[in-house]
Amino acid sequence: MSYVPLSGLSLRDIEYVVAVDDLRNFSRAAERCGVSQAGLSEQVRKLEQLLDVTLFERSRRHVAPTPDGERLLTLGREVLAAARNLLEVARAQTGPMEGALRLGVIPTLGPYYIPGLLPRLREHYPALSLRLRESMTDTLVHALRNSELDVALMALPAPSEALESAPIFEESFLAVFPNTHELAQKPKLSLSQLGRPDLLLLEDGHCLRDQALSICPTVPREGEQRLATSLEMLWYMIGAGEGFSLIPQLALRNRVDFEDLITVRPLPEPEARRTIGLTWRASDPRAPVFRDFAAYLRSITPEHCHTCG
């Protein structure tokens, strides 16, 4: 094979076309990359000329990769992942848990776990600089696989074979009712009692929704489910008497405003639990450091939660 110079190919240009593929919109891709739309479009055009391939079908309302574009974009993602891995290996030489760490966390955990965790991390890892990002599980998994995050705190198991995880703690679910609810005063609850039309769930995309559905043997049909956009909204709906829900143990810290309106009841264990763990790319050379980090997190498991392992 003859030598092909790479002087006309830049990682930045590959980032541009991957952003266009992710967002299927040149304007939003330019915003993500911090450049003007005209500048991004021109660089994409130049890359297409260099590769002698049309990467995208374009119309006023439609942007999609061509068949050749699909194949080359897959390679482009691999090139970006390898480049980020190069930087991570170099950064790892500065010492374990030093410098910037991009940490993702699911929204049904972050507000209740992270505030108490940060002071402990500052004390134990004084050279560590956290870059926090809160998103739903699918978004975090995508960011991990594309080297946009280093690690993430999420409910296990992680939905990707490309990721490695270490469990940290198990968190119980509790049933939270309006005071006037008929189940609020039952001496003992069973999971079979929870499959009722007034069970409140989070919208699709929240792992807490899937966990609640897995706990309850019967639930309302999809078109009849009563949904909330966030865990905070669930609290308000329960407090207003709209129904009941299953709330993770740590989120009970936010019940102060609803103390006089709600009743909290335990559920059968160990079925009504979720496992929280630290997740990273299986290919990341810092995996031993992340396992040690997970071990430290296990050593400071929050009160009322169950330490794993």
C-alpha atoms as a PDB file:
ATOM      1  CA  MET A   1       0.000   0.000   0.000  1.00  0.00           C
ATOM      2  CA  SER A   2       1.382   3.404  -0.975  1.00  0.00           C
ATOM      3  CA  TYR A   3       2.043   6.019   1.693  1.00  0.00           C
ATOM      4  CA  VAL A   4      -0.837   8.468   2.153  1.00  0.00           C
ATOM      5  CA  PRO A   5       0.044  11.718   3.976  1.00  0.00           C
ATOM      6  CA  LEU A   6      -2.320  12.742   6.775  1.00  0.00           C
ATOM      7  CA  SER A   7      -1.566  16.451   6.685  1.00  0.00           C
ATOM      8  CA  GLY A   8      -5.010  17.293   5.332  1.00  0.00           C
ATOM      9  CA  LEU A   9      -6.902  15.235   7.937  1.00  0.00           C
ATOM     10  CA  SER A  10      -7.541  16.605  11.430  1.00  0.00           C
ATOM     11  CA  LEU A  11      -9.215  15.176  14.504  1.00  0.00           C
ATOM     12  CA  ARG A  12     -11.252  18.365  14.731  1.00  0.00           C
ATOM     13  CA  ASP A  13     -12.782  17.713  11.304  1.00  0.00           C
ATOM     14  CA  ILE A  14     -13.713  14.205  12.415  1.00  0.00           C
ATOM     15  CA  GLU A  15     -15.316  15.663  15.557  1.00  0.00           C
ATOM     16  CA  TYR A  16     -17.381  17.947  13.314  1.00  0.00           C
ATOM     17  CA  VAL A  17     -18.814  15.158  11.164  1.00  0.00           C
ATOM     18  CA  VAL A  18     -19.479  12.940  14.194  1.00  0.00           C
ATOM     19  CA  ALA A  19     -21.382  15.830  15.812  1.00  0.00           C
ATOM     20  CA  VAL A  20     -23.454  16.244  12.636  1.00  0.00           C
ATOM     21  CA  ASP A  21     -24.194  12.519  12.659  1.00  0.00           C
ATOM     22  CA  ASP A  22     -25.146  12.580  16.358  1.00  0.00           C
ATOM     23  CA  LEU A  23     -27.461  15.582  16.074  1.00  0.00           C
ATOM     24  CA  ARG A  24     -28.553  15.320  12.410  1.00  0.00           C
ATOM     25  CA  ASN A  25     -28.447  19.096  12.291  1.00  0.00           C
ATOM     26  CA  PHE A  26     -25.586  21.372  11.186  1.00  0.00           C
ATOM     27  CA  SER A  27     -26.641  24.267  13.399  1.00  0.00           C
ATOM     28  CA  ARG A  28     -26.769  22.214  16.613  1.00  0.00           C
ATOM     29  CA  ALA A  29     -23.530  20.443  15.666  1.00  0.00           C
ATOM     30  CA  ALA A  30     -21.805  23.800  15.256  1.00  0.00           C
ATOM     31  CA  GLU A  31     -23.110  24.912  18.663  1.00  0.00           C
ATOM     32  CA  ARG A  32     -21.779  21.737  20.304  1.00  0.00           C
ATOM     33  CA  CYS A  33     -18.366  22.192  18.675  1.00  0.00           C
ATOM     34  CA  GLY A  34     -18.161  25.908  19.507  1.00  0.00           C
ATOM     35  CA  VAL A  35     -17.852  27.126  15.918  1.00  0.00           C
ATOM     36  CA  SER A  36     -20.051  28.970  13.447  1.00  0.00           C
ATOM     37  CA  GLN A  37     -22.400  26.939  11.279  1.00  0.00           C
ATOM     38  CA  ALA A  38     -20.712  28.310   8.161  1.00  0.00           C
ATOM     39  CA  GLY A  39     -17.290  27.306   9.467  1.00  0.00           C
ATOM     40  CA  LEU A  40     -18.417  23.788  10.363  1.00  0.00           C
ATOM     41  CA  SER A  41     -20.164  23.309   7.006  1.00  0.00           C
ATOM     42  CA  GLU A  42     -17.047  24.425   5.150  1.00  0.00           C
ATOM     43  CA  GLN A  43     -14.818  22.008   7.077  1.00  0.00           C
ATOM     44  CA  VAL A  44     -17.243  19.144   6.437  1.00  0.00           C
ATOM     45  CA  ARG A  45     -17.208  20.016   2.740  1.00  0.00           C
ATOM     46  CA  LYS A  46     -13.390  20.061   2.685  1.00  0.00           C
ATOM     47  CA  LEU A  47     -13.252  16.699   4.450  1.00  0.00           C
ATOM     48  CA  GLU A  48     -15.631  15.242   1.871  1.00  0.00           C
ATOM     49  CA  GLN A  49     -13.347  16.549  -0.869  1.00  0.00           C
ATOM     50  CA  LEU A  50     -10.296  15.059   0.835  1.00  0.00           C
ATOM     51  CA  LEU A  51     -11.978  11.667   1.225  1.00  0.00           C
ATOM     52  CA  ASP A  52     -13.696  11.920  -2.177  1.00  0.00           C
ATOM     53  CA  VAL A  53     -16.924  10.783  -0.508  1.00  0.00           C
ATOM     54  CA  THR A  54     -20.236  12.487   0.184  1.00  0.00           C
ATOM     55  CA  LEU A  55     -20.761  11.838   3.891  1.00  0.00           C
ATOM     56  CA  PHE A  56     -24.277  13.281   4.302  1.00  0.00           C
ATOM     57  CA  GLU A  57     -27.488  13.660   2.360  1.00  0.00           C
ATOM     58  CA  ARG A  58     -28.605  17.236   2.904  1.00  0.00           C
ATOM     59  CA  SER A  59     -31.917  19.003   2.471  1.00  0.00           C
ATOM     60  CA  ARG A  60     -33.544  21.913   4.272  1.00  0.00           C
ATOM     61  CA  ARG A  61     -35.266  19.556   6.702  1.00  0.00           C
ATOM     62  CA  HIS A  62     -33.164  16.418   6.538  1.00  0.00           C
ATOM     63  CA  VAL A  63     -29.556  15.443   7.292  1.00  0.00           C
ATOM     64  CA  ALA A  64     -28.555  11.779   7.209  1.00  0.00           C
ATOM     65  CA  PRO A  65     -25.366   9.860   6.440  1.00  0.00           C
ATOM     66  CA  THR A  66     -24.979   8.204   3.055  1.00  0.00           C
ATOM     67  CA  PRO A  67     -24.099   4.478   2.983  1.00  0.00           C
ATOM     68  CA  ASP A  68     -20.428   5.379   2.465  1.00  0.00           C
ATOM     69  CA  GLY A  69     -20.783   8.006   5.184  1.00  0.00           C
ATOM     70  CA  GLU A  70     -22.124   5.424   7.650  1.00  0.00           C
ATOM     71  CA  ARG A  71     -19.043   3.257   7.119  1.00  0.00           C
ATOM     72  CA  LEU A  72     -16.562   6.118   7.421  1.00  0.00           C
ATOM     73  CA  LEU A  73     -18.312   7.672  10.418  1.00  0.00           C
ATOM     74  CA  THR A  74     -17.933   4.378  12.271  1.00  0.00           C
ATOM     75  CA  LEU A  75     -14.210   4.514  11.585  1.00  0.00           C
ATOM     76  CA  GLY A  76     -14.148   8.187  12.580  1.00  0.00           C
ATOM     77  CA  ARG A  77     -15.645   7.382  15.971  1.00  0.00           C
ATOM     78  CA  GLU A  78     -12.978   4.738  16.492  1.00  0.00           C
ATOM     79  CA  VAL A  79     -10.270   7.267  15.598  1.00  0.00           C
ATOM     80  CA  LEU A  80     -11.654   9.779  18.129  1.00  0.00           C
ATOM     81  CA  ALA A  81     -11.926   7.108  20.821  1.00  0.00           C
ATOM     82  CA  ALA A  82      -8.308   6.078  20.187  1.00  0.00           C
ATOM     83  CA  ALA A  83      -7.166   9.703  20.366  1.00  0.00           C
ATOM     84  CA  ARG A  84      -8.985  10.259  23.652  1.00  0.00           C
ATOM     85  CA  ASN A  85      -7.510   7.022  24.962  1.00  0.00           C
ATOM     86  CA  LEU A  86      -4.043   8.367  24.080  1.00  0.00           C
ATOM     87  CA  LEU A  87      -4.712  11.467  26.149  1.00  0.00           C
ATOM     88  CA  GLU A  88      -6.098   9.411  29.044  1.00  0.00           C
ATOM     89  CA  VAL A  89      -3.022   7.160  29.133  1.00  0.00           C
ATOM     90  CA  ALA A  90      -0.778  10.214  29.192  1.00  0.00           C
ATOM     91  CA  ARG A  91      -2.918  11.871  31.869  1.00  0.00           C
ATOM     92  CA  ALA A  92      -2.846   8.697  33.971  1.00  0.00           C
ATOM     93  CA  GLN A  93       0.922   9.047  34.285  1.00  0.00           C
ATOM     94  CA  THR A  94       0.448  12.074  36.555  1.00  0.00           C
ATOM     95  CA  GLY A  95      -0.755   9.753  39.319  1.00  0.00           C
ATOM     96  CA  PRO A  96      -3.941   7.933  40.325  1.00  0.00           C
ATOM     97  CA  MET A  97      -7.027  10.110  40.827  1.00  0.00           C
ATOM     98  CA  GLU A  98      -5.254  13.375  40.033  1.00  0.00           C
ATOM     99  CA  GLY A  99      -6.358  16.080  37.635  1.00  0.00           C
ATOM    100  CA  ALA A 100      -9.747  16.239  35.925  1.00  0.00           C
ATOM    101  CA  LEU A 101     -12.228  13.372  36.244  1.00  0.00           C
ATOM    102  CA  ARG A 102     -15.426  13.550  34.184  1.00  0.00           C
ATOM    103  CA  LEU A 103     -18.074  11.909  36.366  1.00  0.00           C
ATOM    104  CA  GLY A 104     -21.616  11.236  35.220  1.00  0.00           C
ATOM    105  CA  VAL A 105     -24.521  10.514  37.549  1.00  0.00           C
ATOM    106  CA  ILE A 106     -28.178   9.582  37.034  1.00  0.00           C
ATOM    107  CA  PRO A 107     -30.711  12.248  38.119  1.00  0.00           C
ATOM    108  CA  THR A 108     -32.489   9.969  40.610  1.00  0.00           C
ATOM    109  CA  LEU A 109     -29.209   9.648  42.528  1.00  0.00           C
ATOM    110  CA  GLY A 110     -27.159  12.801  41.989  1.00  0.00           C
ATOM    111  CA  PRO A 111     -29.023  15.402  44.110  1.00  0.00           C
ATOM    112  CA  TYR A 112     -29.224  13.029  47.078  1.00  0.00           C
ATOM    113  CA  TYR A 113     -25.791  11.374  46.970  1.00  0.00           C
ATOM    114  CA  ILE A 114     -23.342  13.844  45.443  1.00  0.00           C
ATOM    115  CA  PRO A 115     -23.684  16.731  47.975  1.00  0.00           C
ATOM    116  CA  GLY A 116     -22.579  14.482  50.850  1.00  0.00           C
ATOM    117  CA  LEU A 117     -19.920  12.808  48.724  1.00  0.00           C
ATOM    118  CA  LEU A 118     -18.065  15.901  47.494  1.00  0.00           C
ATOM    119  CA  PRO A 119     -16.497  16.960  50.832  1.00  0.00           C
ATOM    120  CA  ARG A 120     -15.233  13.402  51.387  1.00  0.00           C
ATOM    121  CA  LEU A 121     -13.673  13.316  47.917  1.00  0.00           C
ATOM    122  CA  ARG A 122     -11.991  16.690  48.381  1.00  0.00           C
ATOM    123  CA  GLU A 123     -10.454  15.416  51.603  1.00  0.00           C
ATOM    124  CA  HIS A 124      -9.408  11.989  50.305  1.00  0.00           C
ATOM    125  CA  TYR A 125      -8.333  13.076  46.786  1.00  0.00           C
ATOM    126  CA  PRO A 126      -7.056  16.649  47.171  1.00  0.00           C
ATOM    127  CA  ALA A 127      -5.515  16.688  43.661  1.00  0.00           C
ATOM    128  CA  LEU A 128      -8.740  15.545  41.990  1.00  0.00           C
ATOM    129  CA  SER A 129     -10.873  17.985  40.000  1.00  0.00           C
ATOM    130  CA  LEU A 130     -14.373  16.657  39.301  1.00  0.00           C
ATOM    131  CA  ARG A 131     -16.348  17.576  36.194  1.00  0.00           C
ATOM    132  CA  LEU A 132     -19.923  16.513  36.975  1.00  0.00           C
ATOM    133  CA  ARG A 133     -22.636  15.724  34.436  1.00  0.00           C
ATOM    134  CA  GLU A 134     -26.167  14.611  35.317  1.00  0.00           C
ATOM    135  CA  SER A 135     -28.067  12.671  32.649  1.00  0.00           C
ATOM    136  CA  MET A 136     -30.280   9.641  32.208  1.00  0.00           C
ATOM    137  CA  THR A 137     -28.675   6.226  31.836  1.00  0.00           C
ATOM    138  CA  ASP A 138     -28.753   5.935  28.035  1.00  0.00           C
ATOM    139  CA  THR A 139     -27.096   9.337  27.666  1.00  0.00           C
ATOM    140  CA  LEU A 140     -24.385   8.451  30.187  1.00  0.00           C
ATOM    141  CA  VAL A 141     -23.699   5.127  28.455  1.00  0.00           C
ATOM    142  CA  HIS A 142     -23.353   6.915  25.114  1.00  0.00           C
ATOM    143  CA  ALA A 143     -20.996   9.468  26.659  1.00  0.00           C
ATOM    144  CA  LEU A 144     -18.878   6.743  28.267  1.00  0.00           C
ATOM    145  CA  ARG A 145     -18.587   4.732  25.066  1.00  0.00           C
ATOM    146  CA  ASN A 146     -17.571   7.848  23.142  1.00  0.00           C
ATOM    147  CA  SER A 147     -14.968   8.871  25.752  1.00  0.00           C
ATOM    148  CA  GLU A 148     -16.928  11.991  26.719  1.00  0.00           C
ATOM    149  CA  LEU A 149     -17.053  10.759  30.333  1.00  0.00           C
ATOM    150  CA  ASP A 150     -14.487   8.844  32.383  1.00  0.00           C
ATOM    151  CA  VAL A 151     -16.803   7.164  34.901  1.00  0.00           C
ATOM    152  CA  ALA A 152     -20.474   7.233  35.842  1.00  0.00           C
ATOM    153  CA  LEU A 153     -22.561   6.432  38.892  1.00  0.00           C
ATOM    154  CA  MET A 154     -25.651   4.520  37.794  1.00  0.00           C
ATOM    155  CA  ALA A 155     -27.929   1.640  38.644  1.00  0.00           C
ATOM    156  CA  LEU A 156     -26.492  -1.760  37.686  1.00  0.00           C
ATOM    157  CA  PRO A 157     -26.260  -3.700  35.520  1.00  0.00           C
ATOM    158  CA  ALA A 158     -24.924  -1.220  32.957  1.00  0.00           C
ATOM    159  CA  PRO A 159     -26.641  -1.829  29.588  1.00  0.00           C
ATOM    160  CA  SER A 160     -23.502  -2.341  27.488  1.00  0.00           C
ATOM    161  CA  GLU A 161     -20.891  -5.087  27.160  1.00  0.00           C
ATOM    162  CA  ALA A 162     -18.300  -2.402  26.349  1.00  0.00           C
ATOM    163  CA  LEU A 163     -18.475  -1.172  29.949  1.00  0.00           C
ATOM    164  CA  GLU A 164     -17.109  -2.492  33.233  1.00  0.00           C
ATOM    165  CA  SER A 165     -18.758  -1.829  36.590  1.00  0.00           C
ATOM    166  CA  ALA A 166     -18.034  -2.201  40.278  1.00  0.00           C
ATOM    167  CA  PRO A 167     -21.001  -2.274  42.698  1.00  0.00           C
ATOM    168  CA  ILE A 168     -20.864   0.236  45.542  1.00  0.00           C
ATOM    169  CA  PHE A 169     -24.059   0.012  47.584  1.00  0.00           C
ATOM    170  CA  GLU A 170     -27.621  -1.258  47.500  1.00  0.00           C
ATOM    171  CA  GLU A 171     -30.409   1.231  48.058  1.00  0.00           C
ATOM    172  CA  SER A 172     -33.847   0.176  49.269  1.00  0.00           C
ATOM    173  CA  PHE A 173     -37.086   1.346  47.713  1.00  0.00           C
ATOM    174  CA  LEU A 174     -39.860   2.554  49.981  1.00  0.00           C
ATOM    175  CA  ALA A 175     -43.524   3.021  49.185  1.00  0.00           C
ATOM    176  CA  VAL A 176     -44.652   6.618  49.697  1.00  0.00           C
ATOM    177  CA  PHE A 177     -48.381   7.313  50.023  1.00  0.00           C
ATOM    178  CA  PRO A 178     -50.591  10.306  50.691  1.00  0.00           C
ATOM    179  CA  ASN A 179     -51.742  10.053  54.319  1.00  0.00           C
ATOM    180  CA  THR A 180     -55.295   9.343  53.184  1.00  0.00           C
ATOM    181  CA  HIS A 181     -54.367   6.429  50.890  1.00  0.00           C
ATOM    182  CA  GLU A 182     -55.922   3.077  51.801  1.00  0.00           C
ATOM    183  CA  LEU A 183     -52.540   1.296  51.731  1.00  0.00           C
ATOM    184  CA  ALA A 184     -50.888   3.849  54.013  1.00  0.00           C
ATOM    185  CA  GLN A 185     -52.279   2.201  57.131  1.00  0.00           C
ATOM    186  CA  LYS A 186     -51.822  -1.453  56.167  1.00  0.00           C
ATOM    187  CA  PRO A 187     -49.800  -3.279  58.882  1.00  0.00           C
ATOM    188  CA  LYS A 188     -47.676  -5.006  56.197  1.00  0.00           C
ATOM    189  CA  LEU A 189     -47.264  -4.442  52.471  1.00  0.00           C
ATOM    190  CA  SER A 190     -46.590  -6.997  49.757  1.00  0.00           C
ATOM    191  CA  LEU A 191     -45.386  -6.241  46.245  1.00  0.00           C
ATOM    192  CA  SER A 192     -48.585  -7.705  44.808  1.00  0.00           C
ATOM    193  CA  GLN A 193     -50.552  -4.841  46.383  1.00  0.00           C
ATOM    194  CA  LEU A 194     -48.663  -2.180  44.420  1.00  0.00           C
ATOM    195  CA  GLY A 195     -49.909  -2.883  40.888  1.00  0.00           C
ATOM    196  CA  ARG A 196     -52.674  -0.287  41.067  1.00  0.00           C
ATOM    197  CA  PRO A 197     -53.926   2.390  38.638  1.00  0.00           C
ATOM    198  CA  ASP A 198     -52.750   5.156  41.000  1.00  0.00           C
ATOM    199  CA  LEU A 199     -49.092   4.003  40.918  1.00  0.00           C
ATOM    200  CA  LEU A 200     -47.090   7.036  39.774  1.00  0.00           C
ATOM    201  CA  LEU A 201     -44.062   6.446  37.523  1.00  0.00           C
ATOM    202  CA  LEU A 202     -41.331   8.527  35.968  1.00  0.00           C
ATOM    203  CA  GLU A 203     -41.376   9.125  32.232  1.00  0.00           C
ATOM    204  CA  ASP A 204     -39.690   6.739  29.822  1.00  0.00           C
ATOM    205  CA  GLY A 205     -35.896   7.041  29.866  1.00  0.00           C
ATOM    206  CA  HIS A 206     -35.494   7.120  33.648  1.00  0.00           C
ATOM    207  CA  CYS A 207     -33.953   3.913  35.008  1.00  0.00           C
ATOM    208  CA  LEU A 208     -36.064   4.397  38.148  1.00  0.00           C
ATOM    209  CA  ARG A 209     -39.156   3.817  36.028  1.00  0.00           C
ATOM    210  CA  ASP A 210     -37.793   0.469  34.811  1.00  0.00           C
ATOM    211  CA  GLN A 211     -36.830  -0.486  38.360  1.00  0.00           C
ATOM    212  CA  ALA A 212     -40.307   0.288  39.673  1.00  0.00           C
ATOM    213  CA  LEU A 213     -41.875  -1.727  36.853  1.00  0.00           C
ATOM    214  CA  SER A 214     -39.620  -4.694  37.655  1.00  0.00           C
ATOM    215  CA  ILE A 215     -40.617  -4.609  41.330  1.00  0.00           C
ATOM    216  CA  CYS A 216     -44.373  -4.470  40.798  1.00  0.00           C
ATOM    217  CA  PRO A 217     -45.747  -7.728  39.345  1.00  0.00           C
ATOM    218  CA  THR A 218     -48.662  -5.937  37.641  1.00  0.00           C
ATOM    219  CA  VAL A 219     -48.802  -2.296  36.545  1.00  0.00           C
ATOM    220  CA  PRO A 220     -51.216  -0.132  34.579  1.00  0.00           C
ATOM    221  CA  ARG A 221     -51.049  -0.487  30.808  1.00  0.00           C
ATOM    222  CA  GLU A 222     -48.765   1.978  29.051  1.00  0.00           C
ATOM    223  CA  GLY A 223     -51.528   4.297  27.871  1.00  0.00           C
ATOM    224  CA  GLU A 224     -53.042   4.398  31.363  1.00  0.00           C
ATOM    225  CA  GLN A 225     -49.861   5.047  33.359  1.00  0.00           C
ATOM    226  CA  ARG A 226     -49.602   8.275  35.360  1.00  0.00           C
ATOM    227  CA  LEU A 227     -46.209   9.854  34.747  1.00  0.00           C
ATOM    228  CA  ALA A 228     -43.973  12.500  36.277  1.00  0.00           C
ATOM    229  CA  THR A 229     -41.037  14.221  34.592  1.00  0.00           C
ATOM    230  CA  SER A 230     -38.719  14.013  37.615  1.00  0.00           C
ATOM    231  CA  LEU A 231     -38.380  12.587  41.101  1.00  0.00           C
ATOM    232  CA  GLU A 232     -39.102  16.010  42.559  1.00  0.00           C
ATOM    233  CA  MET A 233     -42.383  16.132  40.619  1.00  0.00           C
ATOM    234  CA  LEU A 234     -43.276  12.712  42.052  1.00  0.00           C
ATOM    235  CA  TRP A 235     -42.997  14.183  45.550  1.00  0.00           C
ATOM    236  CA  TYR A 236     -45.410  16.995  44.685  1.00  0.00           C
ATOM    237  CA  MET A 237     -47.897  14.644  43.047  1.00  0.00           C
ATOM    238  CA  ILE A 238     -47.870  12.318  46.067  1.00  0.00           C
ATOM    239  CA  GLY A 239     -48.179  15.238  48.474  1.00  0.00           C
ATOM    240  CA  ALA A 240     -51.174  16.506  46.493  1.00  0.00           C
ATOM    241  CA  GLY A 241     -52.905  13.128  46.819  1.00  0.00           C
ATOM    242  CA  GLU A 242     -52.556  12.169  43.145  1.00  0.00           C
ATOM    243  CA  GLY A 243     -51.290   8.663  43.894  1.00  0.00           C
ATOM    244  CA  PHE A 244     -48.341   6.798  45.390  1.00  0.00           C
ATOM    245  CA  SER A 245     -44.916   5.754  44.169  1.00  0.00           C
ATOM    246  CA  LEU A 246     -41.693   3.897  44.972  1.00  0.00           C
ATOM    247  CA  ILE A 247     -38.907   6.217  46.125  1.00  0.00           C
ATOM    248  CA  PRO A 248     -35.202   5.317  46.635  1.00  0.00           C
ATOM    249  CA  GLN A 249     -33.935   5.527  50.208  1.00  0.00           C
ATOM    250  CA  LEU A 250     -31.554   8.451  49.646  1.00  0.00           C
ATOM    251  CA  ALA A 251     -34.277  10.595  48.086  1.00  0.00           C
ATOM    252  CA  LEU A 252     -36.188  10.552  51.389  1.00  0.00           C
ATOM    253  CA  ARG A 253     -33.824  13.317  52.475  1.00  0.00           C
ATOM    254  CA  ASN A 254     -35.983  15.653  50.391  1.00  0.00           C
ATOM    255  CA  ARG A 255     -39.264  14.793  52.071  1.00  0.00           C
ATOM    256  CA  VAL A 256     -39.109  17.606  54.673  1.00  0.00           C
ATOM    257  CA  ASP A 257     -41.640  19.751  52.797  1.00  0.00           C
ATOM    258  CA  PHE A 258     -44.088  16.841  52.704  1.00  0.00           C
ATOM    259  CA  GLU A 259     -43.734  15.382  56.223  1.00  0.00           C
ATOM    260  CA  ASP A 260     -47.329  16.185  57.195  1.00  0.00           C
ATOM    261  CA  LEU A 261     -48.807  14.947  53.909  1.00  0.00           C
ATOM    262  CA  ILE A 262     -47.226  11.545  53.312  1.00  0.00           C
ATOM    263  CA  THR A 263     -46.706   8.126  54.860  1.00  0.00           C
ATOM    264  CA  VAL A 264     -43.549   6.119  54.129  1.00  0.00           C
ATOM    265  CA  ARG A 265     -43.721   2.324  54.308  1.00  0.00           C
ATOM    266  CA  PRO A 266     -40.955  -0.299  53.886  1.00  0.00           C
ATOM    267  CA  LEU A 267     -41.207  -2.961  51.197  1.00  0.00           C
ATOM    268  CA  PRO A 268     -40.133  -6.633  51.158  1.00  0.00           C
ATOM    269  CA  GLU A 269     -36.352  -7.063  50.871  1.00  0.00           C
ATOM    270  CA  PRO A 270     -34.211  -7.852  48.948  1.00  0.00           C
ATOM    271  CA  GLU A 271     -36.586  -7.585  45.967  1.00  0.00           C
ATOM    272  CA  ALA A 272     -37.225  -3.882  46.490  1.00  0.00           C
ATOM    273  CA  ARG A 273     -33.631  -2.675  46.098  1.00  0.00           C
ATOM    274  CA  ARG A 274     -31.415  -1.275  43.397  1.00  0.00           C
ATOM    275  CA  THR A 275     -27.636  -1.603  43.129  1.00  0.00           C
ATOM    276  CA  ILE A 276     -25.634   1.571  42.526  1.00  0.00           C
ATOM    277  CA  GLY A 277     -22.220   1.143  40.978  1.00  0.00           C
ATOM    278  CA  LEU A 278     -19.326   2.900  39.295  1.00  0.00           C
ATOM    279  CA  THR A 279     -19.072   2.246  35.544  1.00  0.00           C
ATOM    280  CA  TRP A 280     -16.301   2.921  33.005  1.00  0.00           C
ATOM    281  CA  ARG A 281     -15.140   1.712  29.592  1.00  0.00           C
ATOM    282  CA  ALA A 282     -13.746  -1.817  29.778  1.00  0.00           C
ATOM    283  CA  SER A 283     -10.880  -0.702  27.517  1.00  0.00           C
ATOM    284  CA  ASP A 284      -9.822   2.213  29.731  1.00  0.00           C
ATOM    285  CA  PRO A 285      -6.224   1.738  30.957  1.00  0.00           C
ATOM    286  CA  ARG A 286      -7.188   3.414  34.242  1.00  0.00           C
ATOM    287  CA  ALA A 287      -9.478   0.511  35.189  1.00  0.00           C
ATOM    288  CA  PRO A 288      -7.362  -0.485  38.245  1.00  0.00           C
ATOM    289  CA  VAL A 289      -7.548   3.108  39.502  1.00  0.00           C
ATOM    290  CA  PHE A 290     -11.324   3.145  39.025  1.00  0.00           C
ATOM    291  CA  ARG A 291     -11.678  -0.142  40.914  1.00  0.00           C
ATOM    292  CA  ASP A 292      -9.767   1.403  43.812  1.00  0.00           C
ATOM    293  CA  PHE A 293     -12.019   4.462  43.576  1.00  0.00           C
ATOM    294  CA  ALA A 294     -15.089   2.222  43.779  1.00  0.00           C
ATOM    295  CA  ALA A 295     -13.603   0.495  46.816  1.00  0.00           C
ATOM    296  CA  TYR A 296     -13.214   3.860  48.519  1.00  0.00           C
ATOM    297  CA  LEU A 297     -16.827   4.755  47.688  1.00  0.00           C
ATOM    298  CA  ARG A 298     -17.922   1.455  49.248  1.00  0.00           C
ATOM    299  CA  SER A 299     -16.044   2.389  52.416  1.00  0.00           C
ATOM    300  CA  ILE A 300     -18.191   5.517  52.790  1.00  0.00           C
ATOM    301  CA  THR A 301     -21.563   4.005  51.875  1.00  0.00           C
ATOM    302  CA  PRO A 302     -24.378   6.399  52.834  1.00  0.00           C
ATOM    303  CA  GLU A 303     -26.321   5.764  56.011  1.00  0.00           C
ATOM    304  CA  HIS A 304     -29.295   3.395  55.648  1.00  0.00           C
ATOM    305  CA  CYS A 305     -27.838   1.850  52.460  1.00  0.00           C
ATOM    306  CA  HIS A 306     -26.245  -1.611  52.192  1.00  0.00           C
ATOM    307  CA  THR A 307     -22.555  -1.837  51.264  1.00  0.00           C
ATOM    308  CA  CYS A 308     -21.862  -4.232  48.370  1.00  0.00           C
ATOM    309  CA  GLY A 309     -19.336  -6.999  48.799  1.00  0.00           C
END
